[in-house]
């Protein structure tokens, strides 16, 4: 059985791969303004990868590990923008904003969604702030190193999405948005 698993892994490594990015880098994402940004992913070793964003193009050749990364200079807040990543294929990422990114983490109370609390039906119904977005990272227990996260992607504040948002994170984001 161990031999079979090794054989499958060797075969998979020899198959030509399309350029791809982690799930964090996806439609509707928010990137931190005014700081250097790193965009990374995977491609065939030796594959030329270009990332076009914010009117600039960044280029890298994928090393033997198959992992590539470009670093972009600080950019001002704004959007929406589009990012195009090209290698043997093309990945288009749409509706990107540059702004402030906050990490909301901690105790189990962060898991309580607006739907779970049951008293925010009107708040959910009226929720409509396109510029405030959330990316929920799945809780995955593993004893091996992971190269990507589990997520359903970036979601904006809307009646369709907000009920599944962490209540704490939602009200924090809403208050910050109203302050600025």
C-alpha atoms as a PDB file:
ATOM      1  CA  UNK A   1       0.000   0.000   0.000  1.00  0.00           C
ATOM      2  CA  UNK A   2       2.823   2.429   0.781  1.00  0.00           C
ATOM      3  CA  UNK A   3       4.405   1.624  -2.585  1.00  0.00           C
ATOM      4  CA  UNK A   4       1.107   2.351  -4.347  1.00  0.00           C
ATOM      5  CA  UNK A   5       0.774   5.729  -2.610  1.00  0.00           C
ATOM      6  CA  UNK A   6       4.338   6.664  -3.560  1.00  0.00           C
ATOM      7  CA  UNK A   7       3.700   5.633  -7.153  1.00  0.00           C
ATOM      8  CA  UNK A   8       0.563   7.785  -7.336  1.00  0.00           C
ATOM      9  CA  UNK A   9       2.448  10.768  -5.927  1.00  0.00           C
ATOM     10  CA  UNK A  10       5.266  10.325  -8.426  1.00  0.00           C
ATOM     11  CA  UNK A  11       2.796  10.150 -11.302  1.00  0.00           C
ATOM     12  CA  UNK A  12       0.920  13.218 -10.075  1.00  0.00           C
ATOM     13  CA  UNK A  13       4.163  15.218  -9.915  1.00  0.00           C
ATOM     14  CA  UNK A  14       4.934  14.413 -13.547  1.00  0.00           C
ATOM     15  CA  UNK A  15       1.576  15.642 -14.855  1.00  0.00           C
ATOM     16  CA  UNK A  16       1.634  19.136 -16.388  1.00  0.00           C
ATOM     17  CA  UNK A  17      -0.128  21.559 -14.047  1.00  0.00           C
ATOM     18  CA  UNK A  18      -1.955  24.757 -14.772  1.00  0.00           C
ATOM     19  CA  UNK A  19      -0.890  27.879 -12.911  1.00  0.00           C
ATOM     20  CA  UNK A  20      -3.070  28.153  -9.812  1.00  0.00           C
ATOM     21  CA  UNK A  21      -3.350  30.209  -6.634  1.00  0.00           C
ATOM     22  CA  UNK A  22      -4.510  29.453  -3.081  1.00  0.00           C
ATOM     23  CA  UNK A  23      -8.203  29.862  -2.240  1.00  0.00           C
ATOM     24  CA  UNK A  24      -7.401  33.026  -0.292  1.00  0.00           C
ATOM     25  CA  UNK A  25      -6.619  34.726  -3.626  1.00  0.00           C
ATOM     26  CA  UNK A  26     -10.036  34.800  -5.255  1.00  0.00           C
ATOM     27  CA  UNK A  27     -12.873  36.957  -6.540  1.00  0.00           C
ATOM     28  CA  UNK A  28     -14.068  39.656  -4.120  1.00  0.00           C
ATOM     29  CA  UNK A  29     -10.877  39.571  -2.029  1.00  0.00           C
ATOM     30  CA  UNK A  30      -9.576  42.528  -0.066  1.00  0.00           C
ATOM     31  CA  UNK A  31      -5.843  43.248  -0.146  1.00  0.00           C
ATOM     32  CA  UNK A  32      -4.131  45.384   2.476  1.00  0.00           C
ATOM     33  CA  UNK A  33      -3.510  48.930   1.241  1.00  0.00           C
ATOM     34  CA  UNK A  34      -0.242  50.830   1.683  1.00  0.00           C
ATOM     35  CA  UNK A  35       1.954  47.766   2.228  1.00  0.00           C
ATOM     36  CA  UNK A  36       3.943  45.386   0.035  1.00  0.00           C
ATOM     37  CA  UNK A  37       1.780  42.553  -1.236  1.00  0.00           C
ATOM     38  CA  UNK A  38       2.774  39.000  -2.016  1.00  0.00           C
ATOM     39  CA  UNK A  39       0.824  36.939  -4.529  1.00  0.00           C
ATOM     40  CA  UNK A  40       1.823  33.298  -4.829  1.00  0.00           C
ATOM     41  CA  UNK A  41       0.791  29.984  -6.259  1.00  0.00           C
ATOM     42  CA  UNK A  42       1.911  26.868  -8.073  1.00  0.00           C
ATOM     43  CA  UNK A  43       2.883  26.075 -11.658  1.00  0.00           C
ATOM     44  CA  UNK A  44       5.205  23.786 -13.606  1.00  0.00           C
ATOM     45  CA  UNK A  45       8.891  24.190 -12.775  1.00  0.00           C
ATOM     46  CA  UNK A  46      10.430  26.597 -15.281  1.00  0.00           C
ATOM     47  CA  UNK A  47       7.037  28.040 -16.234  1.00  0.00           C
ATOM     48  CA  UNK A  48       6.960  31.823 -16.732  1.00  0.00           C
ATOM     49  CA  UNK A  49       4.168  33.381 -14.644  1.00  0.00           C
ATOM     50  CA  UNK A  50       2.958  36.968 -14.996  1.00  0.00           C
ATOM     51  CA  UNK A  51       0.659  38.785 -12.605  1.00  0.00           C
ATOM     52  CA  UNK A  52      -1.069  41.898 -13.971  1.00  0.00           C
ATOM     53  CA  UNK A  53      -2.705  44.161 -11.388  1.00  0.00           C
ATOM     54  CA  UNK A  54      -3.180  47.874 -10.711  1.00  0.00           C
ATOM     55  CA  UNK A  55      -1.744  48.812 -14.102  1.00  0.00           C
ATOM     56  CA  UNK A  56       1.504  46.922 -13.529  1.00  0.00           C
ATOM     57  CA  UNK A  57       2.825  43.524 -14.596  1.00  0.00           C
ATOM     58  CA  UNK A  58       5.068  41.348 -12.449  1.00  0.00           C
ATOM     59  CA  UNK A  59       6.933  38.342 -13.816  1.00  0.00           C
ATOM     60  CA  UNK A  60       8.581  35.307 -12.267  1.00  0.00           C
ATOM     61  CA  UNK A  61       9.889  31.948 -13.477  1.00  0.00           C
ATOM     62  CA  UNK A  62       8.698  29.057 -11.349  1.00  0.00           C
ATOM     63  CA  UNK A  63      11.586  27.295  -9.568  1.00  0.00           C
ATOM     64  CA  UNK A  64      11.973  23.511  -9.330  1.00  0.00           C
ATOM     65  CA  UNK A  65       9.653  23.390  -6.303  1.00  0.00           C
ATOM     66  CA  UNK A  66       6.712  24.478  -8.464  1.00  0.00           C
ATOM     67  CA  UNK A  67       5.940  27.321  -6.022  1.00  0.00           C
ATOM     68  CA  UNK A  68       6.123  30.890  -7.345  1.00  0.00           C
ATOM     69  CA  UNK A  69       5.656  34.301  -5.724  1.00  0.00           C
ATOM     70  CA  UNK A  70       5.671  37.939  -6.822  1.00  0.00           C
ATOM     71  CA  UNK A  71       5.984  40.941  -4.529  1.00  0.00           C
ATOM     72  CA  UNK A  72       4.106  44.107  -5.419  1.00  0.00           C
ATOM     73  CA  UNK A  73       4.782  47.605  -4.097  1.00  0.00           C
ATOM     74  CA  UNK A  74       2.387  49.378  -1.706  1.00  0.00           C
ATOM     75  CA  UNK A  75      -0.834  50.589  -3.343  1.00  0.00           C
ATOM     76  CA  UNK A  76      -3.488  53.092  -2.296  1.00  0.00           C
ATOM     77  CA  UNK A  77      -6.991  52.094  -1.226  1.00  0.00           C
ATOM     78  CA  UNK A  78      -9.542  51.691  -3.985  1.00  0.00           C
ATOM     79  CA  UNK A  79     -11.189  49.357  -6.388  1.00  0.00           C
ATOM     80  CA  UNK A  80     -12.739  47.313  -7.686  1.00  0.00           C
ATOM     81  CA  UNK A  81      -9.778  45.926  -9.611  1.00  0.00           C
ATOM     82  CA  UNK A  82      -9.056  42.846 -11.680  1.00  0.00           C
ATOM     83  CA  UNK A  83      -5.972  40.630 -11.481  1.00  0.00           C
ATOM     84  CA  UNK A  84      -4.848  38.402 -14.323  1.00  0.00           C
ATOM     85  CA  UNK A  85      -2.346  35.631 -13.684  1.00  0.00           C
ATOM     86  CA  UNK A  86      -0.904  33.965 -16.775  1.00  0.00           C
ATOM     87  CA  UNK A  87       1.216  30.877 -17.200  1.00  0.00           C
ATOM     88  CA  UNK A  88       0.268  27.899 -19.363  1.00  0.00           C
ATOM     89  CA  UNK A  89      -3.288  29.046 -18.619  1.00  0.00           C
ATOM     90  CA  UNK A  90      -4.958  32.219 -17.355  1.00  0.00           C
ATOM     91  CA  UNK A  91      -6.589  32.899 -13.987  1.00  0.00           C
ATOM     92  CA  UNK A  92      -8.777  36.016 -13.735  1.00  0.00           C
ATOM     93  CA  UNK A  93      -9.676  37.378 -10.304  1.00  0.00           C
ATOM     94  CA  UNK A  94     -12.400  40.042 -10.251  1.00  0.00           C
ATOM     95  CA  UNK A  95     -13.882  42.635  -7.917  1.00  0.00           C
ATOM     96  CA  UNK A  96     -10.745  43.094  -5.779  1.00  0.00           C
ATOM     97  CA  UNK A  97     -10.597  45.936  -3.261  1.00  0.00           C
ATOM     98  CA  UNK A  98      -7.550  47.523  -1.653  1.00  0.00           C
ATOM     99  CA  UNK A  99      -8.323  48.565   1.906  1.00  0.00           C
ATOM    100  CA  UNK A 100      -7.825  47.404   5.463  1.00  0.00           C
ATOM    101  CA  UNK A 101      -7.746  43.707   6.277  1.00  0.00           C
ATOM    102  CA  UNK A 102      -8.524  42.644   9.841  1.00  0.00           C
ATOM    103  CA  UNK A 103      -7.995  39.191  11.291  1.00  0.00           C
ATOM    104  CA  UNK A 104     -10.843  38.226  13.603  1.00  0.00           C
ATOM    105  CA  UNK A 105      -9.911  35.190  15.629  1.00  0.00           C
ATOM    106  CA  UNK A 106      -9.943  33.900  19.147  1.00  0.00           C
ATOM    107  CA  UNK A 107     -12.402  32.196  21.427  1.00  0.00           C
ATOM    108  CA  UNK A 108     -15.292  30.034  20.321  1.00  0.00           C
ATOM    109  CA  UNK A 109     -17.639  33.033  20.531  1.00  0.00           C
ATOM    110  CA  UNK A 110     -16.160  34.144  17.190  1.00  0.00           C
ATOM    111  CA  UNK A 111     -17.964  31.137  15.658  1.00  0.00           C
ATOM    112  CA  UNK A 112     -21.423  32.458  16.516  1.00  0.00           C
ATOM    113  CA  UNK A 113     -23.038  33.666  13.305  1.00  0.00           C
ATOM    114  CA  UNK A 114     -25.855  36.178  13.033  1.00  0.00           C
ATOM    115  CA  UNK A 115     -28.155  33.276  12.050  1.00  0.00           C
ATOM    116  CA  UNK A 116     -27.167  31.259  15.134  1.00  0.00           C
ATOM    117  CA  UNK A 117     -27.990  34.130  17.488  1.00  0.00           C
ATOM    118  CA  UNK A 118     -31.525  34.321  16.095  1.00  0.00           C
ATOM    119  CA  UNK A 119     -32.226  37.947  17.024  1.00  0.00           C
ATOM    120  CA  UNK A 120     -30.801  39.719  13.985  1.00  0.00           C
ATOM    121  CA  UNK A 121     -33.296  38.911  11.216  1.00  0.00           C
ATOM    122  CA  UNK A 122     -33.853  42.610  10.449  1.00  0.00           C
ATOM    123  CA  UNK A 123     -30.096  43.340  10.511  1.00  0.00           C
ATOM    124  CA  UNK A 124     -29.525  40.546   7.977  1.00  0.00           C
ATOM    125  CA  UNK A 125     -32.420  41.684   5.775  1.00  0.00           C
ATOM    126  CA  UNK A 126     -31.049  45.258   5.594  1.00  0.00           C
ATOM    127  CA  UNK A 127     -27.348  44.313   5.302  1.00  0.00           C
ATOM    128  CA  UNK A 128     -25.868  45.858   2.170  1.00  0.00           C
ATOM    129  CA  UNK A 129     -22.263  47.075   2.360  1.00  0.00           C
ATOM    130  CA  UNK A 130     -20.400  45.900  -0.753  1.00  0.00           C
ATOM    131  CA  UNK A 131     -17.097  47.264   0.549  1.00  0.00           C
ATOM    132  CA  UNK A 132     -17.130  45.115   3.725  1.00  0.00           C
ATOM    133  CA  UNK A 133     -16.202  41.512   3.020  1.00  0.00           C
ATOM    134  CA  UNK A 134     -15.435  38.392   4.975  1.00  0.00           C
ATOM    135  CA  UNK A 135     -13.407  35.277   4.291  1.00  0.00           C
ATOM    136  CA  UNK A 136     -14.150  32.445   6.685  1.00  0.00           C
ATOM    137  CA  UNK A 137     -11.336  29.930   7.035  1.00  0.00           C
ATOM    138  CA  UNK A 138     -12.551  26.424   7.869  1.00  0.00           C
ATOM    139  CA  UNK A 139     -11.408  24.803  11.094  1.00  0.00           C
ATOM    140  CA  UNK A 140      -9.429  21.802   9.908  1.00  0.00           C
ATOM    141  CA  UNK A 141      -7.485  19.640  12.328  1.00  0.00           C
ATOM    142  CA  UNK A 142      -4.542  17.902  10.679  1.00  0.00           C
ATOM    143  CA  UNK A 143      -1.162  16.520  11.595  1.00  0.00           C
ATOM    144  CA  UNK A 144       0.337  17.346   8.202  1.00  0.00           C
ATOM    145  CA  UNK A 145       1.407  20.654   6.705  1.00  0.00           C
ATOM    146  CA  UNK A 146      -1.311  22.204   4.530  1.00  0.00           C
ATOM    147  CA  UNK A 147      -0.544  24.362   1.506  1.00  0.00           C
ATOM    148  CA  UNK A 148      -4.041  25.847   1.215  1.00  0.00           C
ATOM    149  CA  UNK A 149      -7.046  26.752   3.334  1.00  0.00           C
ATOM    150  CA  UNK A 150     -10.594  25.504   3.322  1.00  0.00           C
ATOM    151  CA  UNK A 151     -13.026  28.300   2.498  1.00  0.00           C
ATOM    152  CA  UNK A 152     -16.099  29.152   0.451  1.00  0.00           C
ATOM    153  CA  UNK A 153     -14.426  32.412  -0.628  1.00  0.00           C
ATOM    154  CA  UNK A 154     -14.779  36.114   0.020  1.00  0.00           C
ATOM    155  CA  UNK A 155     -18.354  37.293   0.654  1.00  0.00           C
ATOM    156  CA  UNK A 156     -19.648  40.851   0.834  1.00  0.00           C
ATOM    157  CA  UNK A 157     -22.174  42.117   3.360  1.00  0.00           C
ATOM    158  CA  UNK A 158     -25.554  41.396   1.762  1.00  0.00           C
ATOM    159  CA  UNK A 159     -28.824  39.759   2.857  1.00  0.00           C
ATOM    160  CA  UNK A 160     -27.701  36.548   1.110  1.00  0.00           C
ATOM    161  CA  UNK A 161     -24.343  36.301   2.924  1.00  0.00           C
ATOM    162  CA  UNK A 162     -24.493  38.120   6.239  1.00  0.00           C
ATOM    163  CA  UNK A 163     -26.390  35.501   8.239  1.00  0.00           C
ATOM    164  CA  UNK A 164     -23.393  33.158   7.967  1.00  0.00           C
ATOM    165  CA  UNK A 165     -20.905  35.837   9.124  1.00  0.00           C
ATOM    166  CA  UNK A 166     -19.362  35.774  12.576  1.00  0.00           C
ATOM    167  CA  UNK A 167     -21.585  38.193  14.519  1.00  0.00           C
ATOM    168  CA  UNK A 168     -18.571  39.703  16.305  1.00  0.00           C
ATOM    169  CA  UNK A 169     -16.627  40.182  13.071  1.00  0.00           C
ATOM    170  CA  UNK A 170     -19.683  41.571  11.260  1.00  0.00           C
ATOM    171  CA  UNK A 171     -20.423  44.260  13.849  1.00  0.00           C
ATOM    172  CA  UNK A 172     -16.712  45.134  14.105  1.00  0.00           C
ATOM    173  CA  UNK A 173     -16.470  45.562  10.317  1.00  0.00           C
ATOM    174  CA  UNK A 174     -19.732  47.497  10.117  1.00  0.00           C
ATOM    175  CA  UNK A 175     -18.625  49.909  12.843  1.00  0.00           C
ATOM    176  CA  UNK A 176     -15.234  50.501  11.225  1.00  0.00           C
ATOM    177  CA  UNK A 177     -16.936  51.120   7.875  1.00  0.00           C
ATOM    178  CA  UNK A 178     -19.281  53.688   9.452  1.00  0.00           C
ATOM    179  CA  UNK A 179     -16.332  55.466  11.111  1.00  0.00           C
ATOM    180  CA  UNK A 180     -14.565  55.957   7.790  1.00  0.00           C
END
